[in-house]
C-alpha atoms as a PDB file:
ATOM      1  CA  MET A   1      -1.768  -0.045  26.679  1.00  0.00           C
ATOM      2  CA  ALA A   2      -4.942   1.668  25.448  1.00  0.00           C
ATOM      3  CA  LYS A   3      -5.013   2.216  21.693  1.00  0.00           C
ATOM      4  CA  LYS A   4      -5.428   5.690  20.216  1.00  0.00           C
ATOM      5  CA  GLY A   5      -8.289   4.724  17.910  1.00  0.00           C
ATOM      6  CA  ARG A   6      -8.958   2.727  14.762  1.00  0.00           C
ATOM      7  CA  VAL A   7      -6.925   2.933  11.566  1.00  0.00           C
ATOM      8  CA  PHE A   8      -8.208   1.859   8.156  1.00  0.00           C
ATOM      9  CA  SER A   9      -6.165   1.452   5.015  1.00  0.00           C
ATOM     10  CA  GLY A  10      -6.735  -0.429   1.784  1.00  0.00           C
ATOM     11  CA  ALA A  11      -4.496  -1.619  -1.017  1.00  0.00           C
ATOM     12  CA  ARG A  12      -5.190  -3.101  -4.422  1.00  0.00           C
ATOM     13  CA  PRO A  13      -4.253  -6.779  -4.881  1.00  0.00           C
ATOM     14  CA  THR A  14      -1.069  -6.447  -6.893  1.00  0.00           C
ATOM     15  CA  GLY A  15       0.517  -9.782  -5.971  1.00  0.00           C
ATOM     16  CA  ARG A  16       4.038 -10.180  -4.627  1.00  0.00           C
ATOM     17  CA  GLN A  17       5.173  -6.891  -3.138  1.00  0.00           C
ATOM     18  CA  HIS A  18       8.354  -5.052  -4.074  1.00  0.00           C
ATOM     19  CA  LEU A  19      10.704  -2.864  -2.077  1.00  0.00           C
ATOM     20  CA  GLY A  20       8.721   0.246  -2.978  1.00  0.00           C
ATOM     21  CA  ASN A  21       5.593  -1.274  -1.402  1.00  0.00           C
ATOM     22  CA  TYR A  22       7.578  -2.476   1.594  1.00  0.00           C
ATOM     23  CA  LEU A  23       9.373   0.785   2.362  1.00  0.00           C
ATOM     24  CA  GLY A  24       6.518   3.062   1.352  1.00  0.00           C
ATOM     25  CA  ALA A  25       3.532   1.362   2.993  1.00  0.00           C
ATOM     26  CA  ILE A  26       3.971  -2.058   4.598  1.00  0.00           C
ATOM     27  CA  GLN A  27       6.502  -0.954   7.217  1.00  0.00           C
ATOM     28  CA  ASN A  28       4.084   1.812   8.207  1.00  0.00           C
ATOM     29  CA  TYR A  29       1.210  -0.696   8.422  1.00  0.00           C
ATOM     30  CA  VAL A  30       3.285  -2.785  10.818  1.00  0.00           C
ATOM     31  CA  ALA A  31       4.319   0.150  13.004  1.00  0.00           C
ATOM     32  CA  LEU A  32       0.751   1.485  13.348  1.00  0.00           C
ATOM     33  CA  GLN A  33      -0.320  -1.725  15.068  1.00  0.00           C
ATOM     34  CA  ASP A  34       1.475  -0.686  18.242  1.00  0.00           C
ATOM     35  CA  ASP A  35      -0.717   2.391  18.758  1.00  0.00           C
ATOM     36  CA  TYR A  36      -3.980   1.688  16.911  1.00  0.00           C
ATOM     37  CA  ASP A  37      -6.591  -0.974  16.267  1.00  0.00           C
ATOM     38  CA  CYS A  38      -5.874  -1.594  12.604  1.00  0.00           C
ATOM     39  CA  VAL A  39      -8.148  -2.676   9.776  1.00  0.00           C
ATOM     40  CA  TYR A  40      -6.312  -3.499   6.541  1.00  0.00           C
ATOM     41  CA  CYS A  41      -8.265  -4.328   3.423  1.00  0.00           C
ATOM     42  CA  ILE A  42      -7.368  -5.826   0.055  1.00  0.00           C
ATOM     43  CA  VAL A  43      -9.619  -3.768  -2.203  1.00  0.00           C
ATOM     44  CA  ASP A  44     -10.470  -6.251  -4.939  1.00  0.00           C
ATOM     45  CA  VAL A  45     -13.609  -4.392  -6.069  1.00  0.00           C
ATOM     46  CA  HIS A  46     -11.580  -1.232  -6.636  1.00  0.00           C
ATOM     47  CA  ALA A  47      -9.233  -3.283  -8.803  1.00  0.00           C
ATOM     48  CA  LEU A  48     -12.078  -4.102 -11.190  1.00  0.00           C
ATOM     49  CA  THR A  49     -12.118  -0.493 -12.404  1.00  0.00           C
ATOM     50  CA  THR A  50      -8.835  -0.945 -14.255  1.00  0.00           C
ATOM     51  CA  VAL A  51      -7.985  -4.638 -14.703  1.00  0.00           C
ATOM     52  CA  GLU A  52      -8.677  -6.323 -18.034  1.00  0.00           C
ATOM     53  CA  THR A  53      -8.765  -9.832 -16.583  1.00  0.00           C
ATOM     54  CA  THR A  54      -9.480 -11.204 -13.132  1.00  0.00           C
ATOM     55  CA  GLN A  55      -7.855 -14.611 -13.564  1.00  0.00           C
ATOM     56  CA  ASP A  56      -4.938 -13.680 -11.266  1.00  0.00           C
ATOM     57  CA  LEU A  57      -6.985 -11.788  -8.670  1.00  0.00           C
ATOM     58  CA  LYS A  58      -7.199 -14.610  -6.141  1.00  0.00           C
ATOM     59  CA  GLN A  59      -3.527 -15.565  -6.431  1.00  0.00           C
ATOM     60  CA  ASN A  60      -2.386 -11.946  -6.300  1.00  0.00           C
ATOM     61  CA  THR A  61      -4.391 -11.470  -3.113  1.00  0.00           C
ATOM     62  CA  ALA A  62      -2.806 -14.509  -1.458  1.00  0.00           C
ATOM     63  CA  GLU A  63       0.723 -13.450  -2.453  1.00  0.00           C
ATOM     64  CA  MET A  64       0.148  -9.939  -1.144  1.00  0.00           C
ATOM     65  CA  VAL A  65      -1.192 -11.175   2.195  1.00  0.00           C
ATOM     66  CA  LEU A  66       1.791 -13.508   2.597  1.00  0.00           C
ATOM     67  CA  ASP A  67       4.120 -10.518   2.245  1.00  0.00           C
ATOM     68  CA  TRP A  68       2.101  -8.490   4.743  1.00  0.00           C
ATOM     69  CA  LEU A  69       2.119 -11.282   7.316  1.00  0.00           C
ATOM     70  CA  ALA A  70       5.807 -11.995   6.824  1.00  0.00           C
ATOM     71  CA  ALA A  71       6.595  -8.294   7.297  1.00  0.00           C
ATOM     72  CA  GLY A  72       4.877  -8.282  10.688  1.00  0.00           C
ATOM     73  CA  ILE A  73       1.123  -7.773  10.314  1.00  0.00           C
ATOM     74  CA  ARG A  74      -0.395  -9.584  13.318  1.00  0.00           C
ATOM     75  CA  PRO A  75      -3.767 -11.088  12.300  1.00  0.00           C
ATOM     76  CA  ALA A  76      -4.725 -12.040  15.861  1.00  0.00           C
ATOM     77  CA  GLU A  77      -5.094  -8.336  16.665  1.00  0.00           C
ATOM     78  CA  THR A  78      -5.284  -6.682  13.242  1.00  0.00           C
ATOM     79  CA  ILE A  79      -8.226  -7.276  10.903  1.00  0.00           C
ATOM     80  CA  VAL A  80      -6.995  -8.345   7.461  1.00  0.00           C
ATOM     81  CA  PHE A  81      -9.702  -9.088   4.910  1.00  0.00           C
ATOM     82  CA  VAL A  82     -10.866  -8.810   1.300  1.00  0.00           C
ATOM     83  CA  GLN A  83     -13.183  -5.930   0.423  1.00  0.00           C
ATOM     84  CA  SER A  84     -15.773  -8.005  -1.446  1.00  0.00           C
ATOM     85  CA  HIS A  85     -16.137 -10.393   1.497  1.00  0.00           C
ATOM     86  CA  VAL A  86     -18.028  -7.683   3.403  1.00  0.00           C
ATOM     87  CA  PRO A  87     -21.041  -6.880   1.177  1.00  0.00           C
ATOM     88  CA  GLN A  88     -22.215  -4.058   3.442  1.00  0.00           C
ATOM     89  CA  VAL A  89     -19.624  -1.823   1.786  1.00  0.00           C
ATOM     90  CA  MET A  90     -21.563  -1.943  -1.476  1.00  0.00           C
ATOM     91  CA  GLU A  91     -24.771  -0.985   0.306  1.00  0.00           C
ATOM     92  CA  LEU A  92     -23.115   1.975   2.006  1.00  0.00           C
ATOM     93  CA  HIS A  93     -21.507   2.993  -1.281  1.00  0.00           C
ATOM     94  CA  THR A  94     -24.978   3.250  -2.798  1.00  0.00           C
ATOM     95  CA  TYR A  95     -26.326   5.415   0.005  1.00  0.00           C
ATOM     96  CA  LEU A  96     -23.281   7.711  -0.059  1.00  0.00           C
ATOM     97  CA  SER A  97     -23.630   8.136  -3.812  1.00  0.00           C
ATOM     98  CA  MET A  98     -27.021   9.763  -3.189  1.00  0.00           C
ATOM     99  CA  VAL A  99     -25.363  12.693  -1.406  1.00  0.00           C
ATOM    100  CA  THR A 100     -22.433  13.079  -3.814  1.00  0.00           C
ATOM    101  CA  PRO A 101     -22.617  15.744  -6.551  1.00  0.00           C
ATOM    102  CA  LEU A 102     -21.530  14.423  -9.927  1.00  0.00           C
ATOM    103  CA  GLY A 103     -19.367  17.466 -10.570  1.00  0.00           C
ATOM    104  CA  LYS A 104     -17.302  16.786  -7.476  1.00  0.00           C
ATOM    105  CA  LEU A 105     -16.342  13.379  -8.867  1.00  0.00           C
ATOM    106  CA  THR A 106     -15.487  14.566 -12.362  1.00  0.00           C
ATOM    107  CA  ASP A 107     -13.345  17.379 -10.954  1.00  0.00           C
ATOM    108  CA  LEU A 108     -11.069  15.096  -8.937  1.00  0.00           C
ATOM    109  CA  PRO A 109      -7.527  15.077 -10.410  1.00  0.00           C
ATOM    110  CA  THR A 110      -7.255  11.302 -10.018  1.00  0.00           C
ATOM    111  CA  PHE A 111     -10.333  10.739 -12.189  1.00  0.00           C
ATOM    112  CA  LYS A 112      -8.932  13.007 -14.898  1.00  0.00           C
ATOM    113  CA  ASP A 113      -5.625  11.136 -14.742  1.00  0.00           C
ATOM    114  CA  LYS A 114      -7.353   7.756 -15.134  1.00  0.00           C
ATOM    115  CA  VAL A 115      -9.364   9.042 -18.104  1.00  0.00           C
ATOM    116  CA  ARG A 116      -6.102   9.993 -19.800  1.00  0.00           C
ATOM    117  CA  GLN A 117      -4.522   6.643 -18.941  1.00  0.00           C
ATOM    118  CA  GLN A 118      -7.414   4.453 -20.059  1.00  0.00           C
ATOM    119  CA  PRO A 119      -9.616   6.446 -22.464  1.00  0.00           C
ATOM    120  CA  GLU A 120     -11.203   3.248 -23.785  1.00  0.00           C
ATOM    121  CA  ASN A 121     -12.360   2.151 -20.327  1.00  0.00           C
ATOM    122  CA  VAL A 122     -13.958   5.105 -18.549  1.00  0.00           C
ATOM    123  CA  ASN A 123     -16.526   3.135 -16.560  1.00  0.00           C
ATOM    124  CA  TYR A 124     -19.041   4.090 -13.873  1.00  0.00           C
ATOM    125  CA  GLY A 125     -16.945   2.319 -11.245  1.00  0.00           C
ATOM    126  CA  LEU A 126     -13.969   4.498 -12.117  1.00  0.00           C
ATOM    127  CA  LEU A 127     -16.045   7.634 -11.620  1.00  0.00           C
ATOM    128  CA  GLY A 128     -17.498   6.342  -8.353  1.00  0.00           C
ATOM    129  CA  TYR A 129     -14.173   5.069  -7.027  1.00  0.00           C
ATOM    130  CA  PRO A 130     -13.876   7.840  -4.374  1.00  0.00           C
ATOM    131  CA  VAL A 131     -17.391   7.100  -3.089  1.00  0.00           C
ATOM    132  CA  LEU A 132     -16.559   3.434  -2.630  1.00  0.00           C
ATOM    133  CA  MET A 133     -13.312   4.443  -0.956  1.00  0.00           C
ATOM    134  CA  ALA A 134     -15.266   6.672   1.429  1.00  0.00           C
ATOM    135  CA  ALA A 135     -17.566   3.739   2.197  1.00  0.00           C
ATOM    136  CA  ASP A 136     -14.524   1.562   2.934  1.00  0.00           C
ATOM    137  CA  ILE A 137     -13.270   4.025   5.520  1.00  0.00           C
ATOM    138  CA  VAL A 138     -16.445   5.051   7.309  1.00  0.00           C
ATOM    139  CA  LEU A 139     -17.995   1.565   7.358  1.00  0.00           C
ATOM    140  CA  TYR A 140     -15.403   0.518   9.954  1.00  0.00           C
ATOM    141  CA  LYS A 141     -15.675   3.699  12.035  1.00  0.00           C
ATOM    142  CA  ALA A 142     -12.059   4.596  11.259  1.00  0.00           C
ATOM    143  CA  ASP A 143     -10.767   7.514  13.306  1.00  0.00           C
ATOM    144  CA  VAL A 144      -7.530   7.786  11.367  1.00  0.00           C
ATOM    145  CA  VAL A 145      -6.400   7.100   7.817  1.00  0.00           C
ATOM    146  CA  PRO A 146      -2.666   7.114   6.984  1.00  0.00           C
ATOM    147  CA  VAL A 147      -2.118   9.163   3.837  1.00  0.00           C
ATOM    148  CA  GLY A 148       0.683  10.768   1.935  1.00  0.00           C
ATOM    149  CA  ILE A 149       0.390  14.406   0.891  1.00  0.00           C
ATOM    150  CA  ASP A 150      -0.696  13.395  -2.630  1.00  0.00           C
ATOM    151  CA  GLN A 151      -3.590  11.352  -1.216  1.00  0.00           C
ATOM    152  CA  ALA A 152      -4.971  14.153   0.968  1.00  0.00           C
ATOM    153  CA  PRO A 153      -7.671  15.246  -1.557  1.00  0.00           C
ATOM    154  CA  HIS A 154      -9.227  11.768  -1.432  1.00  0.00           C
ATOM    155  CA  LEU A 155      -9.487  11.811   2.329  1.00  0.00           C
ATOM    156  CA  GLU A 156     -10.939  15.314   2.262  1.00  0.00           C
ATOM    157  CA  PHE A 157     -13.550  14.017  -0.195  1.00  0.00           C
ATOM    158  CA  THR A 158     -14.423  11.325   2.346  1.00  0.00           C
ATOM    159  CA  ARG A 159     -14.736  13.911   5.113  1.00  0.00           C
ATOM    160  CA  GLU A 160     -17.024  16.055   2.943  1.00  0.00           C
ATOM    161  CA  THR A 161     -19.142  13.018   2.099  1.00  0.00           C
ATOM    162  CA  VAL A 162     -19.573  12.213   5.785  1.00  0.00           C
ATOM    163  CA  ARG A 163     -20.651  15.791   6.488  1.00  0.00           C
ATOM    164  CA  SER A 164     -23.127  15.697   3.597  1.00  0.00           C
ATOM    165  CA  PHE A 165     -24.640  12.407   4.749  1.00  0.00           C
ATOM    166  CA  ASN A 166     -24.891  13.402   8.392  1.00  0.00           C
ATOM    167  CA  TYR A 167     -26.440  16.753   7.457  1.00  0.00           C
ATOM    168  CA  ARG A 168     -28.916  15.267   4.972  1.00  0.00           C
ATOM    169  CA  TYR A 169     -30.214  12.718   7.462  1.00  0.00           C
ATOM    170  CA  ASN A 170     -29.702  14.725  10.659  1.00  0.00           C
ATOM    171  CA  THR A 171     -27.483  12.084  12.227  1.00  0.00           C
ATOM    172  CA  LYS A 172     -24.055  11.443  13.675  1.00  0.00           C
ATOM    173  CA  ALA A 173     -23.970   7.890  12.387  1.00  0.00           C
ATOM    174  CA  LEU A 174     -20.792   8.353  10.348  1.00  0.00           C
ATOM    175  CA  ILE A 175     -17.428   9.437  11.750  1.00  0.00           C
ATOM    176  CA  GLU A 176     -15.367  12.078   9.967  1.00  0.00           C
ATOM    177  CA  PRO A 177     -11.908  10.468   9.698  1.00  0.00           C
ATOM    178  CA  GLN A 178      -8.725  12.353  10.433  1.00  0.00           C
ATOM    179  CA  ALA A 179      -5.615  12.204   8.292  1.00  0.00           C
ATOM    180  CA  LYS A 180      -2.418  10.791   9.699  1.00  0.00           C
ATOM    181  CA  HIS A 181       0.160  12.193   7.345  1.00  0.00           C
ATOM    182  CA  THR A 182       2.942   9.735   6.801  1.00  0.00           C
ATOM    183  CA  GLU A 183       6.223  10.022   5.012  1.00  0.00           C
ATOM    184  CA  ILE A 184       5.667   7.834   1.975  1.00  0.00           C
ATOM    185  CA  LYS A 185       9.149   7.081   0.725  1.00  0.00           C
ATOM    186  CA  LYS A 186       9.536   7.445  -3.029  1.00  0.00           C
ATOM    187  CA  VAL A 187      11.601   4.406  -3.871  1.00  0.00           C
ATOM    188  CA  LEU A 188      13.235   4.545  -7.273  1.00  0.00           C
ATOM    189  CA  GLY A 189      13.472   1.434  -9.382  1.00  0.00           C
ATOM    190  CA  ILE A 190      16.628  -0.206 -10.643  1.00  0.00           C
ATOM    191  CA  ASP A 191      16.684   2.328 -13.492  1.00  0.00           C
ATOM    192  CA  GLY A 192      17.328   5.058 -10.903  1.00  0.00           C
ATOM    193  CA  VAL A 193      14.809   7.343 -12.623  1.00  0.00           C
ATOM    194  CA  GLU A 194      11.234   6.120 -12.282  1.00  0.00           C
ATOM    195  CA  LYS A 195       9.378   5.088  -9.145  1.00  0.00           C
ATOM    196  CA  MET A 196       9.706   1.357  -8.516  1.00  0.00           C
ATOM    197  CA  SER A 197       6.895  -0.387 -10.378  1.00  0.00           C
ATOM    198  CA  LYS A 198       6.000  -3.817 -11.683  1.00  0.00           C
ATOM    199  CA  SER A 199       4.585  -2.319 -14.856  1.00  0.00           C
ATOM    200  CA  LEU A 200       7.995  -0.799 -15.603  1.00  0.00           C
ATOM    201  CA  ASN A 201       9.814  -3.987 -14.613  1.00  0.00           C
ATOM    202  CA  ASN A 202      12.240  -1.936 -12.532  1.00  0.00           C
ATOM    203  CA  HIS A 203      11.350  -3.537  -9.213  1.00  0.00           C
ATOM    204  CA  ILE A 204      12.893  -5.930  -6.686  1.00  0.00           C
ATOM    205  CA  GLU A 205      10.427  -8.241  -4.948  1.00  0.00           C
ATOM    206  CA  ILE A 206      10.851  -8.590  -1.202  1.00  0.00           C
ATOM    207  CA  ALA A 207      10.209 -12.338  -1.511  1.00  0.00           C
ATOM    208  CA  ALA A 208      12.763 -12.830  -4.297  1.00  0.00           C
ATOM    209  CA  THR A 209      15.521 -15.366  -3.746  1.00  0.00           C
ATOM    210  CA  PRO A 210      18.976 -14.071  -2.791  1.00  0.00           C
ATOM    211  CA  GLU A 211      20.166 -14.959  -6.274  1.00  0.00           C
ATOM    212  CA  GLU A 212      17.312 -13.073  -7.922  1.00  0.00           C
ATOM    213  CA  THR A 213      17.916 -10.074  -5.692  1.00  0.00           C
ATOM    214  CA  THR A 214      21.628 -10.040  -6.481  1.00  0.00           C
ATOM    215  CA  ALA A 215      20.886 -10.216 -10.206  1.00  0.00           C
ATOM    216  CA  ARG A 216      18.480  -7.271 -10.005  1.00  0.00           C
ATOM    217  CA  VAL A 217      20.885  -5.178  -7.919  1.00  0.00           C
ATOM    218  CA  ARG A 218      23.580  -5.902 -10.490  1.00  0.00           C
ATOM    219  CA  GLU A 219      21.319  -4.200 -13.080  1.00  0.00           C
ATOM    220  CA  MET A 220      20.912  -1.029 -11.012  1.00  0.00           C
ATOM    221  CA  VAL A 221      21.976   2.200 -12.718  1.00  0.00           C
ATOM    222  CA  THR A 222      24.741   4.108 -10.925  1.00  0.00           C
ATOM    223  CA  ASP A 223      26.299   7.549 -11.303  1.00  0.00           C
ATOM    224  CA  PRO A 224      26.577   8.044 -15.105  1.00  0.00           C
ATOM    225  CA  ALA A 225      29.759  10.076 -14.635  1.00  0.00           C
ATOM    226  CA  ARG A 226      31.631   6.907 -13.633  1.00  0.00           C
ATOM    227  CA  MET A 227      32.504   5.676 -17.089  1.00  0.00           C
ATOM    228  CA  LYS A 228      35.614   3.834 -15.850  1.00  0.00           C
ATOM    229  CA  ARG A 229      36.538   2.129 -12.580  1.00  0.00           C
ATOM    230  CA  THR A 230      39.025   4.898 -11.853  1.00  0.00           C
ATOM    231  CA  ASP A 231      36.496   7.726 -12.278  1.00  0.00           C
ATOM    232  CA  PRO A 232      35.359   9.290  -8.979  1.00  0.00           C
ATOM    233  CA  GLY A 233      31.606   9.307  -8.399  1.00  0.00           C
ATOM    234  CA  ASN A 234      28.953  11.267  -6.560  1.00  0.00           C
ATOM    235  CA  PRO A 235      26.968   8.965  -4.251  1.00  0.00           C
ATOM    236  CA  ASP A 236      24.447  11.741  -3.565  1.00  0.00           C
ATOM    237  CA  ILE A 237      22.916  11.196  -7.009  1.00  0.00           C
ATOM    238  CA  CYS A 238      23.303   7.410  -7.054  1.00  0.00           C
ATOM    239  CA  ASN A 239      20.300   5.198  -6.263  1.00  0.00           C
ATOM    240  CA  VAL A 240      22.598   2.375  -5.160  1.00  0.00           C
ATOM    241  CA  TYR A 241      23.926   4.620  -2.395  1.00  0.00           C
ATOM    242  CA  THR A 242      20.353   5.566  -1.445  1.00  0.00           C
ATOM    243  CA  MET A 243      19.586   1.866  -1.006  1.00  0.00           C
ATOM    244  CA  HIS A 244      22.769   1.416   1.033  1.00  0.00           C
ATOM    245  CA  LYS A 245      21.413   3.999   3.494  1.00  0.00           C
ATOM    246  CA  ILE A 246      18.321   1.809   3.932  1.00  0.00           C
ATOM    247  CA  PHE A 247      19.787  -1.682   3.976  1.00  0.00           C
ATOM    248  CA  SER A 248      23.458  -1.404   4.959  1.00  0.00           C
ATOM    249  CA  PRO A 249      25.147  -0.948   8.342  1.00  0.00           C
ATOM    250  CA  GLN A 250      26.288   2.610   9.033  1.00  0.00           C
ATOM    251  CA  SER A 251      29.925   1.593   8.678  1.00  0.00           C
ATOM    252  CA  ASP A 252      29.295   0.387   5.109  1.00  0.00           C
ATOM    253  CA  VAL A 253      27.302   3.520   4.280  1.00  0.00           C
ATOM    254  CA  GLU A 254      30.155   5.735   5.440  1.00  0.00           C
ATOM    255  CA  MET A 255      32.714   3.655   3.585  1.00  0.00           C
ATOM    256  CA  VAL A 256      30.780   3.832   0.296  1.00  0.00           C
ATOM    257  CA  ASN A 257      30.265   7.564   0.729  1.00  0.00           C
ATOM    258  CA  VAL A 258      33.995   8.157   1.039  1.00  0.00           C
ATOM    259  CA  GLU A 259      35.388   5.539  -1.329  1.00  0.00           C
ATOM    260  CA  CYS A 260      32.976   6.242  -4.190  1.00  0.00           C
ATOM    261  CA  ARG A 261      34.027   9.887  -4.240  1.00  0.00           C
ATOM    262  CA  ARG A 262      37.690   8.974  -4.628  1.00  0.00           C
ATOM    263  CA  ALA A 263      37.186   5.900  -6.817  1.00  0.00           C
ATOM    264  CA  GLY A 264      38.309   3.649  -3.978  1.00  0.00           C
ATOM    265  CA  ILE A 265      35.399   1.316  -4.675  1.00  0.00           C
ATOM    266  CA  GLY A 266      33.949   0.472  -8.072  1.00  0.00           C
ATOM    267  CA  CYS A 267      30.260   0.231  -8.927  1.00  0.00           C
ATOM    268  CA  VAL A 268      30.395  -3.558  -9.288  1.00  0.00           C
ATOM    269  CA  ASP A 269      31.768  -4.055  -5.777  1.00  0.00           C
ATOM    270  CA  CYS A 270      29.430  -1.392  -4.414  1.00  0.00           C
ATOM    271  CA  LYS A 271      26.433  -3.299  -5.797  1.00  0.00           C
ATOM    272  CA  LYS A 272      27.744  -6.630  -4.548  1.00  0.00           C
ATOM    273  CA  LEU A 273      27.927  -5.163  -1.051  1.00  0.00           C
ATOM    274  CA  LEU A 274      24.402  -3.770  -1.343  1.00  0.00           C
ATOM    275  CA  ALA A 275      22.988  -7.115  -2.500  1.00  0.00           C
ATOM    276  CA  LYS A 276      24.688  -8.867   0.409  1.00  0.00           C
ATOM    277  CA  ASN A 277      23.270  -6.431   2.964  1.00  0.00           C
ATOM    278  CA  MET A 278      19.840  -6.354   1.349  1.00  0.00           C
ATOM    279  CA  ASN A 279      19.586 -10.131   1.423  1.00  0.00           C
ATOM    280  CA  ALA A 280      20.717 -10.202   5.044  1.00  0.00           C
ATOM    281  CA  GLN A 281      17.993  -7.737   6.080  1.00  0.00           C
ATOM    282  CA  LEU A 282      15.270  -9.483   4.109  1.00  0.00           C
ATOM    283  CA  GLU A 283      16.232 -13.034   5.110  1.00  0.00           C
ATOM    284  CA  PRO A 284      14.062 -13.174   8.291  1.00  0.00           C
ATOM    285  CA  LEU A 285      11.038 -11.915   6.362  1.00  0.00           C
ATOM    286  CA  ARG A 286      11.589 -14.435   3.598  1.00  0.00           C
ATOM    287  CA  THR A 287      11.935 -17.266   6.109  1.00  0.00           C
ATOM    288  CA  LYS A 288       8.630 -16.329   7.748  1.00  0.00           C
ATOM    289  CA  ARG A 289       6.941 -16.048   4.366  1.00  0.00           C
ATOM    290  CA  ALA A 290       8.081 -19.515   3.335  1.00  0.00           C
ATOM    291  CA  GLU A 291       6.816 -20.924   6.633  1.00  0.00           C
ATOM    292  CA  PHE A 292       3.381 -19.289   6.199  1.00  0.00           C
ATOM    293  CA  ALA A 293       3.202 -20.433   2.582  1.00  0.00           C
ATOM    294  CA  SER A 294       3.915 -24.018   3.610  1.00  0.00           C
ATOM    295  CA  ARG A 295       0.781 -24.128   5.789  1.00  0.00           C
ATOM    296  CA  PRO A 296      -2.181 -25.176   3.617  1.00  0.00           C
ATOM    297  CA  GLY A 297      -5.129 -22.856   3.967  1.00  0.00           C
ATOM    298  CA  TYR A 298      -3.381 -20.455   6.353  1.00  0.00           C
ATOM    299  CA  VAL A 299      -3.864 -17.307   4.277  1.00  0.00           C
ATOM    300  CA  GLN A 300      -7.499 -18.171   3.606  1.00  0.00           C
ATOM    301  CA  ASP A 301      -8.076 -18.757   7.321  1.00  0.00           C
ATOM    302  CA  VAL A 302      -6.624 -15.312   8.087  1.00  0.00           C
ATOM    303  CA  LEU A 303      -8.851 -13.674   5.475  1.00  0.00           C
ATOM    304  CA  ASP A 304     -11.975 -15.580   6.561  1.00  0.00           C
ATOM    305  CA  ASP A 305     -11.442 -14.617  10.199  1.00  0.00           C
ATOM    306  CA  GLY A 306     -10.728 -11.020   9.226  1.00  0.00           C
ATOM    307  CA  ALA A 307     -13.891 -10.824   7.119  1.00  0.00           C
ATOM    308  CA  ARG A 308     -15.972 -12.280   9.954  1.00  0.00           C
ATOM    309  CA  ARG A 309     -14.678  -9.644  12.381  1.00  0.00           C
ATOM    310  CA  ALA A 310     -15.046  -6.874   9.806  1.00  0.00           C
ATOM    311  CA  ARG A 311     -18.670  -7.839   9.091  1.00  0.00           C
ATOM    312  CA  VAL A 312     -19.552  -7.418  12.768  1.00  0.00           C
ATOM    313  CA  ILE A 313     -18.361  -3.797  12.711  1.00  0.00           C
ATOM    314  CA  ALA A 314     -19.889  -3.202   9.280  1.00  0.00           C
ATOM    315  CA  GLU A 315     -23.341  -4.435  10.224  1.00  0.00           C
ATOM    316  CA  GLN A 316     -23.391  -2.311  13.368  1.00  0.00           C
ATOM    317  CA  THR A 317     -22.595   0.748  11.249  1.00  0.00           C
ATOM    318  CA  MET A 318     -25.220  -0.151   8.655  1.00  0.00           C
ATOM    319  CA  GLN A 319     -27.927  -0.527  11.282  1.00  0.00           C
ATOM    320  CA  GLU A 320     -27.229   3.064  12.325  1.00  0.00           C
ATOM    321  CA  VAL A 321     -27.160   4.207   8.686  1.00  0.00           C
ATOM    322  CA  ARG A 322     -30.458   2.518   7.787  1.00  0.00           C
ATOM    323  CA  LYS A 323     -32.101   3.966  10.874  1.00  0.00           C
ATOM    324  CA  ALA A 324     -30.824   7.456  10.036  1.00  0.00           C
ATOM    325  CA  ILE A 325     -32.179   7.240   6.468  1.00  0.00           C
ATOM    326  CA  GLN A 326     -35.451   5.860   7.878  1.00  0.00           C
ATOM    327  CA  LEU A 327     -35.590   2.996   5.459  1.00  0.00           C
ATOM    328  CA  PRO A 328     -38.789   0.987   5.887  1.00  0.00           C
END
């Protein structure tokens, strides 16, 4: 079947992935492979704008790729690589920066947010982050970029940058990417309040052992109105019930919905059932991950092959870019 075009997406190397990453992004990455030629990048250079140490960068990259592969990313057809392994992106970033007004960068809400978050580390790379992101996308001639609604301004910045470059140099060398709006699930952490995050330690890793998963589910916050086992609850406001709708069979979801409301099932048993169903769903992924991890050099081979294929596309694009600029 002919593919609809090329998709590009990048993610920072955050190590072992949690359920928020899995439900919010990785499942979408896997599904897109059926309809598009996909290019997925671990953006290690972007990570340098905020990290204080790089000692875990290599290991975090390997752990992240293992989760992607175990979830169903197919490296024989999908390009998976590390951003810094394709140096052409830095060259294109430089050229794109020449057509980017400074005020446009300082006005971006994400830049202002980062300045508030890390006032002691407002570096040039942080300011130029959107330009490098634009270079990531257009270097690989991406037709489509999957984005959530909150990410739309960044993609529009990329589209404007492409228009500015093409106009400045009277060329059609760069493609203006289209947004593919996706439903990015907001997955709450075990606290039931904040978005699942490693920094908040409210996450459940998809590669955790069944015992670790059960322990984390046991910590999940339920309906605060259920002070005693005999108190009826409201599953509509309970994050455990939300997770049941994702990981449990429909019969269990319906049972919890009814029995929680009439105190027919307690929170402890409800969470035990969730942990059981969650582990059952994740078991095939975890088995694949363990098999990939047991093969020495496998992840590095995937990344090396992905970088080789990515560099072919990148160099073709850069030849067009250099010609358009009329570099000597």
